[in-house]
Amino acid sequence: MDISKIKDQNKNIEDLKELARVLDEQFKLPFGIKFGWDFILGIIPGIGDFVPHVIGSYIVIRAVQINVSVSIIIRMILNLGIDYLVGSIPFLGDAFDVFWKANDKNYKLVEAYVNAPESTTRRSSILNWSLLLGVAFVLLSLLGFSLYLVMNIWSWVASLFS
């Protein structure tokens, strides 16, 4: 990698660091809790949950531009997705935004990748596979439970007519 690419990556990272700070940690309460524009905009009904995530997706786009690995990009999208889904729950979601800080997490993933690409990619891959297996287990469990309920209801209905 040539020097100009390294300088460009460092500039990109500095831009991302500032964006993450503004979105997640711009302000500090007297007792130490930091929050940013993600939380403030999240209070606005309708657009409040959408706008900060469009802005936060810029971090993901820049990560793609500097060739961050796919497993880390997936993890970054999951961070934003979790933030969006939970953040859209009235009141609870707003409180969640203060503590989850998806943009800061995503910046730190990019920073870790630039400093140690192999180990960061490996950790993200393991986390992604673990999450996928966990979701698959939950979905299969729900499917099994649903089938169990249907079979029992079917048996109960059949017993009413015999």
C-alpha atoms as a PDB file:
ATOM      1  CA  MET A   1       0.000   0.000   0.000  1.00  0.00           C
ATOM      2  CA  ASP A   2       1.445   3.360  -0.913  1.00  0.00           C
ATOM      3  CA  ILE A   3       1.762   6.395   1.365  1.00  0.00           C
ATOM      4  CA  SER A   4      -1.072   8.354  -0.292  1.00  0.00           C
ATOM      5  CA  LYS A   5      -3.557   5.534   0.407  1.00  0.00           C
ATOM      6  CA  ILE A   6      -2.492   5.409   4.066  1.00  0.00           C
ATOM      7  CA  LYS A   7      -2.938   9.194   4.356  1.00  0.00           C
ATOM      8  CA  ASP A   8      -6.374   8.926   2.713  1.00  0.00           C
ATOM      9  CA  GLN A   9      -7.400   6.166   5.127  1.00  0.00           C
ATOM     10  CA  ASN A  10      -6.248   8.217   8.110  1.00  0.00           C
ATOM     11  CA  LYS A  11      -8.211  11.222   6.818  1.00  0.00           C
ATOM     12  CA  ASN A  12     -11.274   9.020   6.337  1.00  0.00           C
ATOM     13  CA  ILE A  13     -10.903   7.714   9.844  1.00  0.00           C
ATOM     14  CA  GLU A  14     -10.605  11.209  11.293  1.00  0.00           C
ATOM     15  CA  ASP A  15     -13.774  12.224   9.450  1.00  0.00           C
ATOM     16  CA  LEU A  16     -15.557   9.148  10.767  1.00  0.00           C
ATOM     17  CA  LYS A  17     -14.336   9.773  14.301  1.00  0.00           C
ATOM     18  CA  GLU A  18     -15.777  13.293  14.245  1.00  0.00           C
ATOM     19  CA  LEU A  19     -19.089  12.142  12.744  1.00  0.00           C
ATOM     20  CA  ALA A  20     -19.445   9.374  15.359  1.00  0.00           C
ATOM     21  CA  ARG A  21     -18.673  11.877  18.131  1.00  0.00           C
ATOM     22  CA  VAL A  22     -21.273  14.364  16.888  1.00  0.00           C
ATOM     23  CA  LEU A  23     -23.943  11.686  16.505  1.00  0.00           C
ATOM     24  CA  ASP A  24     -23.282   9.786  19.744  1.00  0.00           C
ATOM     25  CA  GLU A  25     -21.283  11.920  22.206  1.00  0.00           C
ATOM     26  CA  GLN A  26     -21.625  15.623  21.348  1.00  0.00           C
ATOM     27  CA  PHE A  27     -23.117  16.555  24.737  1.00  0.00           C
ATOM     28  CA  LYS A  28     -22.412  15.458  28.301  1.00  0.00           C
ATOM     29  CA  LEU A  29     -24.774  15.504  31.258  1.00  0.00           C
ATOM     30  CA  PRO A  30     -23.378  16.601  34.651  1.00  0.00           C
ATOM     31  CA  PHE A  31     -23.319  12.986  35.886  1.00  0.00           C
ATOM     32  CA  GLY A  32     -21.198  11.790  32.959  1.00  0.00           C
ATOM     33  CA  ILE A  33     -23.648  10.348  30.436  1.00  0.00           C
ATOM     34  CA  LYS A  34     -22.829  11.439  26.888  1.00  0.00           C
ATOM     35  CA  PHE A  35     -25.343  11.715  24.071  1.00  0.00           C
ATOM     36  CA  GLY A  36     -25.420  13.197  20.605  1.00  0.00           C
ATOM     37  CA  TRP A  37     -27.629  14.259  17.766  1.00  0.00           C
ATOM     38  CA  ASP A  38     -28.769  10.666  17.221  1.00  0.00           C
ATOM     39  CA  PHE A  39     -30.635  10.872  20.538  1.00  0.00           C
ATOM     40  CA  ILE A  40     -31.887  14.431  20.019  1.00  0.00           C
ATOM     41  CA  LEU A  41     -33.221  13.764  16.512  1.00  0.00           C
ATOM     42  CA  GLY A  42     -34.654  10.440  17.705  1.00  0.00           C
ATOM     43  CA  ILE A  43     -37.122  12.320  19.888  1.00  0.00           C
ATOM     44  CA  ILE A  44     -38.809  13.866  16.817  1.00  0.00           C
ATOM     45  CA  PRO A  45     -41.749  11.661  15.758  1.00  0.00           C
ATOM     46  CA  GLY A  46     -41.640  10.333  12.212  1.00  0.00           C
ATOM     47  CA  ILE A  47     -38.255  11.441  10.920  1.00  0.00           C
ATOM     48  CA  GLY A  48     -36.365  11.164  14.198  1.00  0.00           C
ATOM     49  CA  ASP A  49     -35.478   7.511  13.855  1.00  0.00           C
ATOM     50  CA  PHE A  50     -34.745   7.676  10.138  1.00  0.00           C
ATOM     51  CA  VAL A  51     -32.496  10.728   9.703  1.00  0.00           C
ATOM     52  CA  PRO A  52     -29.712   9.771  12.162  1.00  0.00           C
ATOM     53  CA  HIS A  53     -29.439   6.339  10.552  1.00  0.00           C
ATOM     54  CA  VAL A  54     -29.123   7.783   7.073  1.00  0.00           C
ATOM     55  CA  ILE A  55     -26.323  10.007   8.385  1.00  0.00           C
ATOM     56  CA  GLY A  56     -24.776   7.086  10.308  1.00  0.00           C
ATOM     57  CA  SER A  57     -24.812   4.922   7.196  1.00  0.00           C
ATOM     58  CA  TYR A  58     -22.177   7.293   5.820  1.00  0.00           C
ATOM     59  CA  ILE A  59     -19.681   5.597   8.161  1.00  0.00           C
ATOM     60  CA  VAL A  60     -20.546   2.244   6.556  1.00  0.00           C
ATOM     61  CA  ILE A  61     -20.226   3.698   3.048  1.00  0.00           C
ATOM     62  CA  ARG A  62     -16.815   5.142   3.850  1.00  0.00           C
ATOM     63  CA  ALA A  63     -15.763   1.795   5.338  1.00  0.00           C
ATOM     64  CA  VAL A  64     -16.682   0.133   2.035  1.00  0.00           C
ATOM     65  CA  GLN A  65     -14.661   2.779   0.165  1.00  0.00           C
ATOM     66  CA  ILE A  66     -11.517   2.016   2.174  1.00  0.00           C
ATOM     67  CA  ASN A  67     -12.018  -1.737   1.623  1.00  0.00           C
ATOM     68  CA  VAL A  68     -12.956  -2.829   5.127  1.00  0.00           C
ATOM     69  CA  SER A  69     -13.709  -6.560   5.108  1.00  0.00           C
ATOM     70  CA  VAL A  70     -17.219  -7.839   4.404  1.00  0.00           C
ATOM     71  CA  SER A  71     -17.590  -9.417   7.853  1.00  0.00           C
ATOM     72  CA  ILE A  72     -16.947  -6.051   9.497  1.00  0.00           C
ATOM     73  CA  ILE A  73     -19.350  -4.291   7.106  1.00  0.00           C
ATOM     74  CA  ILE A  74     -22.014  -6.850   8.080  1.00  0.00           C
ATOM     75  CA  ARG A  75     -21.334  -6.172  11.753  1.00  0.00           C
ATOM     76  CA  MET A  76     -21.603  -2.420  11.155  1.00  0.00           C
ATOM     77  CA  ILE A  77     -24.942  -2.842   9.379  1.00  0.00           C
ATOM     78  CA  LEU A  78     -26.149  -5.002  12.285  1.00  0.00           C
ATOM     79  CA  ASN A  79     -25.151  -2.244  14.727  1.00  0.00           C
ATOM     80  CA  LEU A  80     -27.198   0.287  12.762  1.00  0.00           C
ATOM     81  CA  GLY A  81     -30.081  -2.172  12.336  1.00  0.00           C
ATOM     82  CA  ILE A  82     -30.290  -2.915  16.055  1.00  0.00           C
ATOM     83  CA  ASP A  83     -30.126   0.803  16.790  1.00  0.00           C
ATOM     84  CA  TYR A  84     -32.912   1.482  14.284  1.00  0.00           C
ATOM     85  CA  LEU A  85     -35.211  -1.330  15.431  1.00  0.00           C
ATOM     86  CA  VAL A  86     -34.894  -0.726  19.154  1.00  0.00           C
ATOM     87  CA  GLY A  87     -34.688   3.040  18.642  1.00  0.00           C
ATOM     88  CA  SER A  88     -38.079   3.064  16.961  1.00  0.00           C
ATOM     89  CA  ILE A  89     -39.789   1.898  20.166  1.00  0.00           C
ATOM     90  CA  PRO A  90     -41.204   5.033  21.821  1.00  0.00           C
ATOM     91  CA  PHE A  91     -39.311   6.190  24.933  1.00  0.00           C
ATOM     92  CA  LEU A  92     -37.412   2.907  25.419  1.00  0.00           C
ATOM     93  CA  GLY A  93     -35.725   3.399  22.058  1.00  0.00           C
ATOM     94  CA  ASP A  94     -34.662   6.925  22.934  1.00  0.00           C
ATOM     95  CA  ALA A  95     -33.023   5.703  26.140  1.00  0.00           C
ATOM     96  CA  PHE A  96     -31.400   2.864  24.195  1.00  0.00           C
ATOM     97  CA  ASP A  97     -29.849   5.378  21.761  1.00  0.00           C
ATOM     98  CA  VAL A  98     -27.969   7.025  24.631  1.00  0.00           C
ATOM     99  CA  PHE A  99     -26.256   3.768  25.599  1.00  0.00           C
ATOM    100  CA  TRP A 100     -25.943   1.715  22.357  1.00  0.00           C
ATOM    101  CA  LYS A 101     -23.947   4.312  20.326  1.00  0.00           C
ATOM    102  CA  ALA A 102     -23.962   2.433  17.009  1.00  0.00           C
ATOM    103  CA  ASN A 103     -21.960   5.122  15.232  1.00  0.00           C
ATOM    104  CA  ASP A 104     -19.181   5.020  17.813  1.00  0.00           C
ATOM    105  CA  LYS A 105     -19.138   1.209  17.616  1.00  0.00           C
ATOM    106  CA  ASN A 106     -18.868   1.407  13.835  1.00  0.00           C
ATOM    107  CA  TYR A 107     -16.066   3.952  13.940  1.00  0.00           C
ATOM    108  CA  LYS A 108     -14.147   1.758  16.396  1.00  0.00           C
ATOM    109  CA  LEU A 109     -14.587  -1.237  14.075  1.00  0.00           C
ATOM    110  CA  VAL A 110     -13.099   0.729  11.165  1.00  0.00           C
ATOM    111  CA  GLU A 111     -10.263   1.994  13.348  1.00  0.00           C
ATOM    112  CA  ALA A 112      -9.512  -1.521  14.594  1.00  0.00           C
ATOM    113  CA  TYR A 113      -9.549  -2.823  11.023  1.00  0.00           C
ATOM    114  CA  VAL A 114      -7.083  -0.188   9.815  1.00  0.00           C
ATOM    115  CA  ASN A 115      -4.756  -0.974  12.741  1.00  0.00           C
ATOM    116  CA  ALA A 116      -5.107  -4.800  12.722  1.00  0.00           C
ATOM    117  CA  PRO A 117      -7.124  -6.053   9.736  1.00  0.00           C
ATOM    118  CA  GLU A 118      -6.677  -9.800  10.220  1.00  0.00           C
ATOM    119  CA  SER A 119      -7.625 -10.043  13.890  1.00  0.00           C
ATOM    120  CA  THR A 120     -10.509  -7.582  13.544  1.00  0.00           C
ATOM    121  CA  THR A 121     -11.901  -9.509  10.582  1.00  0.00           C
ATOM    122  CA  ARG A 122     -11.552 -12.804  12.457  1.00  0.00           C
ATOM    123  CA  ARG A 123     -13.392 -11.444  15.542  1.00  0.00           C
ATOM    124  CA  SER A 124     -16.170 -10.009  13.374  1.00  0.00           C
ATOM    125  CA  SER A 125     -16.546 -13.277  11.459  1.00  0.00           C
ATOM    126  CA  ILE A 126     -16.830 -15.261  14.691  1.00  0.00           C
ATOM    127  CA  LEU A 127     -19.391 -12.815  16.067  1.00  0.00           C
ATOM    128  CA  ASN A 128     -21.415 -12.844  12.828  1.00  0.00           C
ATOM    129  CA  TRP A 129     -21.508 -16.660  12.702  1.00  0.00           C
ATOM    130  CA  SER A 130     -22.428 -16.848  16.391  1.00  0.00           C
ATOM    131  CA  LEU A 131     -25.229 -14.375  15.850  1.00  0.00           C
ATOM    132  CA  LEU A 132     -26.461 -16.238  12.780  1.00  0.00           C
ATOM    133  CA  LEU A 133     -26.461 -19.551  14.655  1.00  0.00           C
ATOM    134  CA  GLY A 134     -28.253 -17.940  17.594  1.00  0.00           C
ATOM    135  CA  VAL A 135     -30.950 -16.477  15.358  1.00  0.00           C
ATOM    136  CA  ALA A 136     -31.328 -19.798  13.531  1.00  0.00           C
ATOM    137  CA  PHE A 137     -31.703 -21.604  16.864  1.00  0.00           C
ATOM    138  CA  VAL A 138     -34.384 -19.166  18.041  1.00  0.00           C
ATOM    139  CA  LEU A 139     -36.280 -19.399  14.743  1.00  0.00           C
ATOM    140  CA  LEU A 140     -36.130 -23.199  14.712  1.00  0.00           C
ATOM    141  CA  SER A 141     -37.265 -23.266  18.344  1.00  0.00           C
ATOM    142  CA  LEU A 142     -40.206 -21.006  17.503  1.00  0.00           C
ATOM    143  CA  LEU A 143     -41.058 -23.189  14.516  1.00  0.00           C
ATOM    144  CA  GLY A 144     -40.921 -26.335  16.671  1.00  0.00           C
ATOM    145  CA  PHE A 145     -43.064 -24.753  19.369  1.00  0.00           C
ATOM    146  CA  SER A 146     -45.565 -23.561  16.753  1.00  0.00           C
ATOM    147  CA  LEU A 147     -45.804 -27.055  15.281  1.00  0.00           C
ATOM    148  CA  TYR A 148     -46.262 -28.500  18.767  1.00  0.00           C
ATOM    149  CA  LEU A 149     -49.111 -26.049  19.446  1.00  0.00           C
ATOM    150  CA  VAL A 150     -50.798 -26.768  16.107  1.00  0.00           C
ATOM    151  CA  MET A 151     -50.612 -30.514  16.688  1.00  0.00           C
ATOM    152  CA  ASN A 152     -52.072 -30.195  20.195  1.00  0.00           C
ATOM    153  CA  ILE A 153     -54.851 -27.875  19.048  1.00  0.00           C
ATOM    154  CA  TRP A 154     -55.608 -30.230  16.169  1.00  0.00           C
ATOM    155  CA  SER A 155     -55.783 -33.192  18.579  1.00  0.00           C
ATOM    156  CA  TRP A 156     -58.021 -31.251  20.946  1.00  0.00           C
ATOM    157  CA  VAL A 157     -60.394 -30.223  18.111  1.00  0.00           C
ATOM    158  CA  ALA A 158     -60.450 -33.829  16.823  1.00  0.00           C
ATOM    159  CA  SER A 159     -61.291 -35.123  20.308  1.00  0.00           C
ATOM    160  CA  LEU A 160     -64.321 -32.797  20.435  1.00  0.00           C
ATOM    161  CA  PHE A 161     -65.839 -34.590  17.438  1.00  0.00           C
ATOM    162  CA  SER A 162     -65.094 -38.175  18.446  1.00  0.00           C
END
